[in-house]
N, C-alpha and C. Protein backbone atom coordinates (compact mmCIF):
# COMPACT_ATOMS: atom_id res chain seq x y z
N MET A 1 214.38 -7.10 282.22
CA MET A 1 213.34 -6.44 282.99
C MET A 1 211.98 -6.60 282.31
N GLU A 2 211.97 -6.50 280.97
CA GLU A 2 210.70 -6.64 280.25
C GLU A 2 210.14 -8.05 280.39
N ALA A 3 211.02 -9.06 280.38
CA ALA A 3 210.56 -10.45 280.53
C ALA A 3 209.95 -10.67 281.90
N LEU A 4 210.54 -10.07 282.91
CA LEU A 4 210.01 -10.21 284.27
C LEU A 4 208.62 -9.58 284.38
N ILE A 5 208.46 -8.41 283.82
CA ILE A 5 207.15 -7.74 283.89
C ILE A 5 206.12 -8.47 283.04
N ALA A 6 206.53 -8.96 281.88
CA ALA A 6 205.60 -9.73 281.05
C ALA A 6 205.17 -11.01 281.77
N SER A 7 206.11 -11.65 282.46
CA SER A 7 205.76 -12.85 283.24
C SER A 7 204.80 -12.51 284.37
N ALA A 8 205.03 -11.39 285.04
CA ALA A 8 204.14 -10.97 286.12
C ALA A 8 202.73 -10.70 285.59
N ILE A 9 202.65 -10.05 284.43
CA ILE A 9 201.33 -9.78 283.83
C ILE A 9 200.65 -11.10 283.47
N GLY A 10 201.40 -12.04 282.92
CA GLY A 10 200.82 -13.33 282.57
C GLY A 10 200.35 -14.11 283.78
N ILE A 11 201.13 -14.09 284.84
CA ILE A 11 200.75 -14.81 286.06
C ILE A 11 199.52 -14.17 286.69
N MET A 12 199.48 -12.84 286.72
CA MET A 12 198.31 -12.17 287.30
C MET A 12 197.06 -12.44 286.46
N THR A 13 197.20 -12.46 285.14
CA THR A 13 196.05 -12.75 284.28
C THR A 13 195.57 -14.18 284.47
N ALA A 14 196.51 -15.13 284.51
CA ALA A 14 196.12 -16.53 284.69
C ALA A 14 195.44 -16.76 286.04
N SER A 15 196.01 -16.19 287.09
CA SER A 15 195.39 -16.37 288.41
C SER A 15 194.05 -15.66 288.48
N GLY A 16 193.92 -14.51 287.80
CA GLY A 16 192.63 -13.82 287.79
C GLY A 16 191.55 -14.62 287.09
N VAL A 17 191.89 -15.21 285.95
CA VAL A 17 190.91 -16.04 285.23
C VAL A 17 190.55 -17.26 286.05
N TYR A 18 191.57 -17.88 286.68
CA TYR A 18 191.30 -19.06 287.52
C TYR A 18 190.34 -18.70 288.67
N LEU A 19 190.58 -17.56 289.30
CA LEU A 19 189.73 -17.19 290.43
C LEU A 19 188.33 -16.77 289.99
N ILE A 20 188.20 -16.19 288.81
CA ILE A 20 186.87 -15.80 288.32
C ILE A 20 186.01 -17.02 288.06
N LEU A 21 186.62 -18.14 287.71
CA LEU A 21 185.86 -19.35 287.42
C LEU A 21 185.45 -20.13 288.67
N ARG A 22 185.72 -19.61 289.85
CA ARG A 22 185.30 -20.27 291.09
C ARG A 22 183.81 -20.06 291.31
N LYS A 23 183.23 -20.81 292.24
CA LYS A 23 181.79 -20.77 292.48
C LYS A 23 181.38 -19.85 293.62
N ARG A 24 182.34 -19.27 294.31
CA ARG A 24 182.04 -18.38 295.43
C ARG A 24 182.33 -16.94 295.03
N THR A 25 181.68 -16.00 295.68
CA THR A 25 181.82 -14.61 295.27
C THR A 25 183.16 -14.01 295.65
N PHE A 26 183.72 -14.35 296.81
CA PHE A 26 184.98 -13.73 297.22
C PHE A 26 186.12 -14.05 296.25
N PRO A 27 186.32 -15.31 295.83
CA PRO A 27 187.37 -15.54 294.82
C PRO A 27 187.10 -14.83 293.50
N VAL A 28 185.83 -14.67 293.13
CA VAL A 28 185.51 -13.95 291.90
C VAL A 28 185.93 -12.48 292.02
N ILE A 29 185.67 -11.89 293.17
CA ILE A 29 186.05 -10.49 293.38
C ILE A 29 187.57 -10.35 293.38
N VAL A 30 188.28 -11.26 294.03
CA VAL A 30 189.74 -11.22 294.03
C VAL A 30 190.28 -11.45 292.61
N GLY A 31 189.63 -12.34 291.85
CA GLY A 31 190.05 -12.58 290.47
C GLY A 31 189.87 -11.35 289.60
N LEU A 32 188.76 -10.65 289.77
CA LEU A 32 188.56 -9.41 289.03
C LEU A 32 189.62 -8.38 289.40
N ALA A 33 189.97 -8.32 290.67
CA ALA A 33 191.02 -7.39 291.10
C ALA A 33 192.36 -7.76 290.47
N MET A 34 192.66 -9.07 290.40
CA MET A 34 193.92 -9.49 289.79
C MET A 34 193.96 -9.15 288.30
N LEU A 35 192.83 -9.35 287.60
CA LEU A 35 192.78 -8.96 286.19
C LEU A 35 192.94 -7.46 286.02
N THR A 36 192.35 -6.71 286.94
CA THR A 36 192.49 -5.25 286.88
C THR A 36 193.95 -4.84 287.06
N TYR A 37 194.64 -5.47 288.02
CA TYR A 37 196.05 -5.15 288.23
C TYR A 37 196.88 -5.51 287.01
N ALA A 38 196.56 -6.63 286.39
CA ALA A 38 197.31 -7.04 285.19
C ALA A 38 197.12 -6.03 284.06
N VAL A 39 195.90 -5.57 283.86
CA VAL A 39 195.64 -4.58 282.81
C VAL A 39 196.32 -3.26 283.15
N ASN A 40 196.29 -2.87 284.42
CA ASN A 40 196.94 -1.62 284.82
C ASN A 40 198.45 -1.68 284.59
N VAL A 41 199.07 -2.77 284.94
CA VAL A 41 200.52 -2.91 284.71
C VAL A 41 200.81 -2.91 283.21
N PHE A 42 199.96 -3.58 282.44
CA PHE A 42 200.14 -3.58 280.99
C PHE A 42 200.04 -2.17 280.42
N LEU A 43 199.03 -1.42 280.86
CA LEU A 43 198.90 -0.04 280.39
C LEU A 43 200.10 0.81 280.80
N PHE A 44 200.57 0.60 282.02
CA PHE A 44 201.71 1.37 282.51
C PHE A 44 202.97 1.05 281.72
N ILE A 45 203.14 -0.19 281.34
CA ILE A 45 204.34 -0.61 280.62
C ILE A 45 204.32 -0.12 279.17
N THR A 46 203.14 0.17 278.64
CA THR A 46 203.10 0.67 277.27
C THR A 46 203.82 2.01 277.13
N GLY A 47 204.07 2.69 278.22
CA GLY A 47 204.80 3.96 278.16
C GLY A 47 206.30 3.79 278.24
N ARG A 48 206.82 2.60 278.13
CA ARG A 48 208.24 2.26 278.18
C ARG A 48 208.74 2.25 279.63
N LEU A 49 209.75 1.45 279.84
CA LEU A 49 210.43 1.43 281.13
C LEU A 49 211.58 2.42 281.04
N ALA A 50 211.41 3.56 281.63
CA ALA A 50 212.47 4.58 281.62
C ALA A 50 212.68 5.04 283.05
N ILE A 51 213.91 4.98 283.49
CA ILE A 51 214.23 5.33 284.87
C ILE A 51 214.93 6.69 284.88
N ASN A 52 214.56 7.52 285.85
CA ASN A 52 215.16 8.85 286.06
C ASN A 52 214.99 9.78 284.87
N LEU A 53 213.86 9.65 284.17
CA LEU A 53 213.56 10.57 283.09
C LEU A 53 212.32 11.38 283.49
N PRO A 54 212.25 12.65 283.11
CA PRO A 54 211.09 13.47 283.49
C PRO A 54 209.85 13.06 282.71
N PRO A 55 208.64 13.25 283.30
CA PRO A 55 207.41 12.89 282.59
C PRO A 55 206.99 13.94 281.57
N VAL A 56 207.65 15.06 281.53
CA VAL A 56 207.35 16.10 280.54
C VAL A 56 208.63 16.41 279.77
N ILE A 57 208.49 17.07 278.65
CA ILE A 57 209.66 17.37 277.81
C ILE A 57 210.52 18.41 278.51
N ASP A 58 211.76 18.05 278.73
CA ASP A 58 212.76 18.95 279.31
C ASP A 58 213.97 18.91 278.38
N TYR A 59 214.34 20.06 277.87
CA TYR A 59 215.42 20.09 276.88
C TYR A 59 216.76 19.76 277.49
N ALA A 60 216.88 19.85 278.81
CA ALA A 60 218.14 19.50 279.46
C ALA A 60 218.27 18.00 279.67
N ALA A 61 217.12 17.28 279.69
CA ALA A 61 217.15 15.83 279.91
C ALA A 61 217.36 15.11 278.58
N PRO A 62 217.95 13.93 278.63
CA PRO A 62 218.18 13.19 277.37
C PRO A 62 216.90 12.62 276.77
N GLY A 63 215.82 12.55 277.50
CA GLY A 63 214.57 12.01 276.98
C GLY A 63 213.45 12.30 277.95
N TYR A 64 212.32 11.67 277.73
CA TYR A 64 211.19 11.84 278.65
C TYR A 64 210.35 10.58 278.60
N THR A 65 209.56 10.39 279.64
CA THR A 65 208.63 9.27 279.65
C THR A 65 207.27 9.78 279.18
N ASP A 66 206.48 8.89 278.64
CA ASP A 66 205.17 9.27 278.13
C ASP A 66 204.19 9.36 279.31
N PRO A 67 203.60 10.50 279.56
CA PRO A 67 202.67 10.61 280.70
C PRO A 67 201.28 10.06 280.40
N LEU A 68 200.95 9.79 279.15
CA LEU A 68 199.61 9.31 278.81
C LEU A 68 199.29 7.95 279.45
N PRO A 69 200.18 6.95 279.42
CA PRO A 69 199.85 5.69 280.11
C PRO A 69 199.66 5.86 281.61
N GLN A 70 200.40 6.77 282.21
CA GLN A 70 200.22 7.00 283.64
C GLN A 70 198.84 7.58 283.92
N ALA A 71 198.38 8.50 283.08
CA ALA A 71 197.04 9.06 283.24
C ALA A 71 195.97 7.99 283.00
N LEU A 72 196.20 7.12 282.02
CA LEU A 72 195.25 6.04 281.77
C LEU A 72 195.17 5.08 282.95
N VAL A 73 196.31 4.79 283.56
CA VAL A 73 196.32 3.88 284.71
C VAL A 73 195.61 4.51 285.89
N LEU A 74 195.81 5.80 286.10
CA LEU A 74 195.10 6.46 287.21
C LEU A 74 193.59 6.40 286.98
N THR A 75 193.16 6.62 285.77
CA THR A 75 191.73 6.53 285.46
C THR A 75 191.23 5.10 285.64
N ALA A 76 192.03 4.13 285.20
CA ALA A 76 191.63 2.73 285.34
C ALA A 76 191.56 2.31 286.80
N ILE A 77 192.44 2.83 287.63
CA ILE A 77 192.39 2.51 289.06
C ILE A 77 191.09 3.02 289.68
N VAL A 78 190.70 4.22 289.34
CA VAL A 78 189.45 4.78 289.88
C VAL A 78 188.25 3.98 289.41
N ILE A 79 188.22 3.65 288.12
CA ILE A 79 187.10 2.87 287.58
C ILE A 79 187.05 1.48 288.22
N SER A 80 188.20 0.84 288.37
CA SER A 80 188.21 -0.51 288.96
C SER A 80 187.81 -0.47 290.43
N PHE A 81 188.17 0.60 291.13
CA PHE A 81 187.75 0.72 292.53
C PHE A 81 186.23 0.83 292.62
N GLY A 82 185.62 1.64 291.77
CA GLY A 82 184.17 1.75 291.77
C GLY A 82 183.50 0.46 291.37
N MET A 83 184.07 -0.23 290.37
CA MET A 83 183.50 -1.50 289.93
C MET A 83 183.58 -2.55 291.04
N THR A 84 184.70 -2.59 291.74
CA THR A 84 184.86 -3.55 292.83
C THR A 84 183.88 -3.25 293.96
N ALA A 85 183.68 -1.97 294.26
CA ALA A 85 182.74 -1.61 295.33
C ALA A 85 181.33 -2.05 294.96
N VAL A 86 180.92 -1.86 293.71
CA VAL A 86 179.58 -2.28 293.28
C VAL A 86 179.44 -3.79 293.36
N ILE A 87 180.46 -4.52 292.93
CA ILE A 87 180.38 -5.99 292.95
C ILE A 87 180.35 -6.51 294.38
N VAL A 88 181.12 -5.89 295.27
CA VAL A 88 181.09 -6.32 296.67
C VAL A 88 179.71 -6.07 297.27
N MET A 89 179.10 -4.94 296.94
CA MET A 89 177.77 -4.66 297.48
C MET A 89 176.73 -5.64 296.91
N MET A 90 176.84 -5.98 295.62
CA MET A 90 175.92 -6.95 295.04
C MET A 90 176.11 -8.33 295.68
N ALA A 91 177.36 -8.73 295.91
CA ALA A 91 177.63 -10.02 296.53
C ALA A 91 177.13 -10.04 297.97
N LEU A 92 177.34 -8.95 298.68
CA LEU A 92 176.86 -8.87 300.06
C LEU A 92 175.34 -8.93 300.11
N GLY A 93 174.66 -8.24 299.20
CA GLY A 93 173.21 -8.28 299.14
C GLY A 93 172.69 -9.68 298.83
N ALA A 94 173.35 -10.36 297.89
CA ALA A 94 172.94 -11.73 297.55
C ALA A 94 173.17 -12.67 298.71
N PHE A 95 174.29 -12.47 299.43
CA PHE A 95 174.57 -13.34 300.58
C PHE A 95 173.56 -13.11 301.69
N LEU A 96 173.21 -11.86 301.94
CA LEU A 96 172.25 -11.58 303.01
C LEU A 96 170.85 -12.05 302.62
N GLU A 97 170.53 -12.03 301.34
CA GLU A 97 169.19 -12.45 300.91
C GLU A 97 169.05 -13.96 300.88
N LYS A 98 170.05 -14.67 300.35
CA LYS A 98 169.96 -16.11 300.17
C LYS A 98 170.68 -16.90 301.24
N GLY A 99 171.65 -16.28 301.94
CA GLY A 99 172.40 -16.99 302.95
C GLY A 99 173.53 -17.83 302.38
N ASP A 100 173.85 -17.64 301.12
CA ASP A 100 174.92 -18.39 300.48
C ASP A 100 175.59 -17.47 299.47
N ASP A 101 176.87 -17.71 299.21
CA ASP A 101 177.59 -16.83 298.29
C ASP A 101 177.98 -17.53 297.01
N ARG A 102 177.24 -18.53 296.61
CA ARG A 102 177.53 -19.21 295.35
C ARG A 102 177.10 -18.33 294.18
N VAL A 103 177.86 -18.38 293.10
CA VAL A 103 177.54 -17.56 291.94
C VAL A 103 176.94 -18.37 290.80
N ASP A 104 176.88 -19.69 290.94
CA ASP A 104 176.32 -20.50 289.87
C ASP A 104 174.82 -20.67 290.07
N MET A 105 174.13 -21.07 289.03
CA MET A 105 172.71 -21.31 289.08
C MET A 105 172.44 -22.72 288.60
N ASP A 106 171.38 -23.33 289.11
CA ASP A 106 171.05 -24.66 288.64
C ASP A 106 170.27 -24.56 287.33
N GLU A 107 169.89 -25.70 286.77
CA GLU A 107 169.27 -25.74 285.46
C GLU A 107 167.85 -25.18 285.43
N THR A 108 167.18 -25.08 286.57
CA THR A 108 165.81 -24.58 286.59
C THR A 108 165.76 -23.06 286.56
N GLY A 109 166.89 -22.41 286.67
CA GLY A 109 166.93 -20.96 286.63
C GLY A 109 166.89 -20.33 288.00
N THR A 110 166.69 -21.12 289.03
CA THR A 110 166.75 -20.59 290.38
C THR A 110 168.13 -20.82 290.93
N ASP A 111 168.52 -20.03 291.86
CA ASP A 111 169.87 -20.15 292.39
C ASP A 111 169.87 -20.57 293.85
N GLY A 112 170.99 -21.08 294.27
CA GLY A 112 171.19 -21.40 295.66
C GLY A 112 170.71 -22.78 296.03
N PRO A 113 171.13 -23.23 297.22
CA PRO A 113 170.73 -24.57 297.67
C PRO A 113 169.29 -24.63 298.13
N GLU A 114 168.64 -23.49 298.35
CA GLU A 114 167.26 -23.49 298.82
C GLU A 114 166.26 -23.46 297.67
N ALA A 115 166.70 -23.65 296.44
CA ALA A 115 165.81 -23.53 295.29
C ALA A 115 164.75 -24.63 295.27
N GLY A 116 165.07 -25.83 295.72
CA GLY A 116 164.11 -26.93 295.70
C GLY A 116 163.16 -26.94 296.87
N LYS A 117 163.39 -26.07 297.84
CA LYS A 117 162.55 -26.08 299.05
C LYS A 117 161.32 -25.24 298.87
């Protein structure tokens, strides 16, 4: 089970990095989301994979799961949602202003295909 989850985290990280290196804003946003999911799963897994165990100490149960990674993941989900919303609004503003969603800049410091016009 741990190998499967580690593979999933690796695949999500690799696809996130690949998408971030694209020249359009939508793949960059999806890539950031994939990296966020990979980090969230990694944080969640740091609390061990324990099935049917309570999240708090119960003397009747044979053990417990650590609730701290779950709280960290919930906080990370909220932060990533806000970050994604800000990036989408910045990309939408840039698209409406320039008419293109490219994220690269040419060597003169101006961006977009209309820079030479």
